[in-house]
Amino acid sequence: MSEYVQVAAEIAQLDALLNQQYLIELITENLDGAQVVLEFENQQTELNITTAEARKYLTVKLQEQLNKQPQK
């Protein structure tokens, strides 16, 4: 699989879950990429993001999520 196809697939998986109102709960970085736990209404799912471009996209989406949260 080409790098572009892999990046596009990982971004599409992440976008699909975020569009279903899942929220990023936990990101664990390791040598194989990033393990991402997303949660919606007490349902959790995990994604393994392996490409650098998809991990950059993940951080942008996390920042957007944090910016939407009300300030305490």
C-alpha atoms as a PDB file:
ATOM      1  CA  MET A   1       0.000   0.000   0.000  1.00  0.00           C
ATOM      2  CA  SER A   2       1.372   3.381  -0.915  1.00  0.00           C
ATOM      3  CA  GLU A   3       2.039   5.960   1.775  1.00  0.00           C
ATOM      4  CA  TYR A   4      -0.670   8.259   0.402  1.00  0.00           C
ATOM      5  CA  VAL A   5      -3.308   5.532   0.483  1.00  0.00           C
ATOM      6  CA  GLN A   6      -2.371   4.580   4.045  1.00  0.00           C
ATOM      7  CA  VAL A   7      -2.507   8.214   5.238  1.00  0.00           C
ATOM      8  CA  ALA A   8      -5.867   8.745   3.523  1.00  0.00           C
ATOM      9  CA  ALA A   9      -7.280   5.574   5.085  1.00  0.00           C
ATOM     10  CA  GLU A  10      -6.165   6.520   8.599  1.00  0.00           C
ATOM     11  CA  ILE A  11      -7.559  10.048   8.257  1.00  0.00           C
ATOM     12  CA  ALA A  12     -10.844   8.682   6.904  1.00  0.00           C
ATOM     13  CA  GLN A  13     -11.166   6.296   9.876  1.00  0.00           C
ATOM     14  CA  LEU A  14     -10.531   9.122  12.332  1.00  0.00           C
ATOM     15  CA  ASP A  15     -12.930  11.494  10.566  1.00  0.00           C
ATOM     16  CA  ALA A  16     -15.664   8.852  10.456  1.00  0.00           C
ATOM     17  CA  LEU A  17     -15.515   8.404  14.226  1.00  0.00           C
ATOM     18  CA  LEU A  18     -15.285  12.129  14.953  1.00  0.00           C
ATOM     19  CA  ASN A  19     -18.302  12.742  12.693  1.00  0.00           C
ATOM     20  CA  GLN A  20     -20.219  10.238  14.841  1.00  0.00           C
ATOM     21  CA  GLN A  21     -19.528  12.514  17.847  1.00  0.00           C
ATOM     22  CA  TYR A  22     -16.731  10.394  19.320  1.00  0.00           C
ATOM     23  CA  LEU A  23     -14.262  12.371  21.416  1.00  0.00           C
ATOM     24  CA  ILE A  24     -10.539  11.744  21.715  1.00  0.00           C
ATOM     25  CA  GLU A  25      -9.957  10.459  25.249  1.00  0.00           C
ATOM     26  CA  LEU A  26      -6.397   9.111  25.224  1.00  0.00           C
ATOM     27  CA  ILE A  27      -3.392   9.103  22.912  1.00  0.00           C
ATOM     28  CA  THR A  28      -0.474   6.798  23.630  1.00  0.00           C
ATOM     29  CA  GLU A  29       2.608   7.234  21.466  1.00  0.00           C
ATOM     30  CA  ASN A  30       4.905   4.281  20.836  1.00  0.00           C
ATOM     31  CA  LEU A  31       7.443   3.159  18.240  1.00  0.00           C
ATOM     32  CA  ASP A  32       4.664   1.886  15.971  1.00  0.00           C
ATOM     33  CA  GLY A  33       2.705   5.138  15.927  1.00  0.00           C
ATOM     34  CA  ALA A  34      -0.107   6.342  18.146  1.00  0.00           C
ATOM     35  CA  GLN A  35      -2.794   4.308  19.863  1.00  0.00           C
ATOM     36  CA  VAL A  36      -5.915   6.484  20.080  1.00  0.00           C
ATOM     37  CA  VAL A  37      -8.890   5.800  22.335  1.00  0.00           C
ATOM     38  CA  LEU A  38     -12.113   7.543  21.360  1.00  0.00           C
ATOM     39  CA  GLU A  39     -15.337   7.543  23.381  1.00  0.00           C
ATOM     40  CA  PHE A  40     -19.006   8.301  22.728  1.00  0.00           C
ATOM     41  CA  GLU A  41     -21.787   7.593  25.219  1.00  0.00           C
ATOM     42  CA  ASN A  42     -19.672   5.139  27.230  1.00  0.00           C
ATOM     43  CA  GLN A  43     -18.614   3.239  24.099  1.00  0.00           C
ATOM     44  CA  GLN A  44     -14.895   3.136  23.436  1.00  0.00           C
ATOM     45  CA  THR A  45     -13.052   2.299  20.272  1.00  0.00           C
ATOM     46  CA  GLU A  46      -9.354   2.281  19.452  1.00  0.00           C
ATOM     47  CA  LEU A  47      -7.409   3.314  16.383  1.00  0.00           C
ATOM     48  CA  ASN A  48      -3.766   2.700  15.618  1.00  0.00           C
ATOM     49  CA  ILE A  49      -2.385   5.679  13.682  1.00  0.00           C
ATOM     50  CA  THR A  50       0.939   4.712  12.135  1.00  0.00           C
ATOM     51  CA  THR A  51       1.770   7.426   9.614  1.00  0.00           C
ATOM     52  CA  ALA A  52       3.352  10.745  10.536  1.00  0.00           C
ATOM     53  CA  GLU A  53       0.893  12.767   8.437  1.00  0.00           C
ATOM     54  CA  ALA A  54      -2.120  11.126  10.081  1.00  0.00           C
ATOM     55  CA  ARG A  55      -0.602  11.763  13.525  1.00  0.00           C
ATOM     56  CA  LYS A  56      -0.218  15.452  12.631  1.00  0.00           C
ATOM     57  CA  TYR A  57      -3.861  15.481  11.551  1.00  0.00           C
ATOM     58  CA  LEU A  58      -4.806  13.825  14.846  1.00  0.00           C
ATOM     59  CA  THR A  59      -3.112  16.608  16.830  1.00  0.00           C
ATOM     60  CA  VAL A  60      -5.019  19.242  14.842  1.00  0.00           C
ATOM     61  CA  LYS A  61      -8.298  17.465  15.598  1.00  0.00           C
ATOM     62  CA  LEU A  62      -7.368  17.187  19.275  1.00  0.00           C
ATOM     63  CA  GLN A  63      -6.607  20.923  19.412  1.00  0.00           C
ATOM     64  CA  GLU A  64      -9.970  21.675  17.765  1.00  0.00           C
ATOM     65  CA  GLN A  65     -11.701  19.474  20.346  1.00  0.00           C
ATOM     66  CA  LEU A  66      -9.927  21.243  23.208  1.00  0.00           C
ATOM     67  CA  ASN A  67     -10.818  24.660  21.794  1.00  0.00           C
ATOM     68  CA  LYS A  68     -14.534  23.728  21.719  1.00  0.00           C
ATOM     69  CA  GLN A  69     -14.588  22.847  25.422  1.00  0.00           C
ATOM     70  CA  PRO A  70     -15.919  25.570  27.717  1.00  0.00           C
ATOM     71  CA  GLN A  71     -13.334  27.413  29.772  1.00  0.00           C
ATOM     72  CA  LYS A  72     -13.341  26.709  33.503  1.00  0.00           C
END
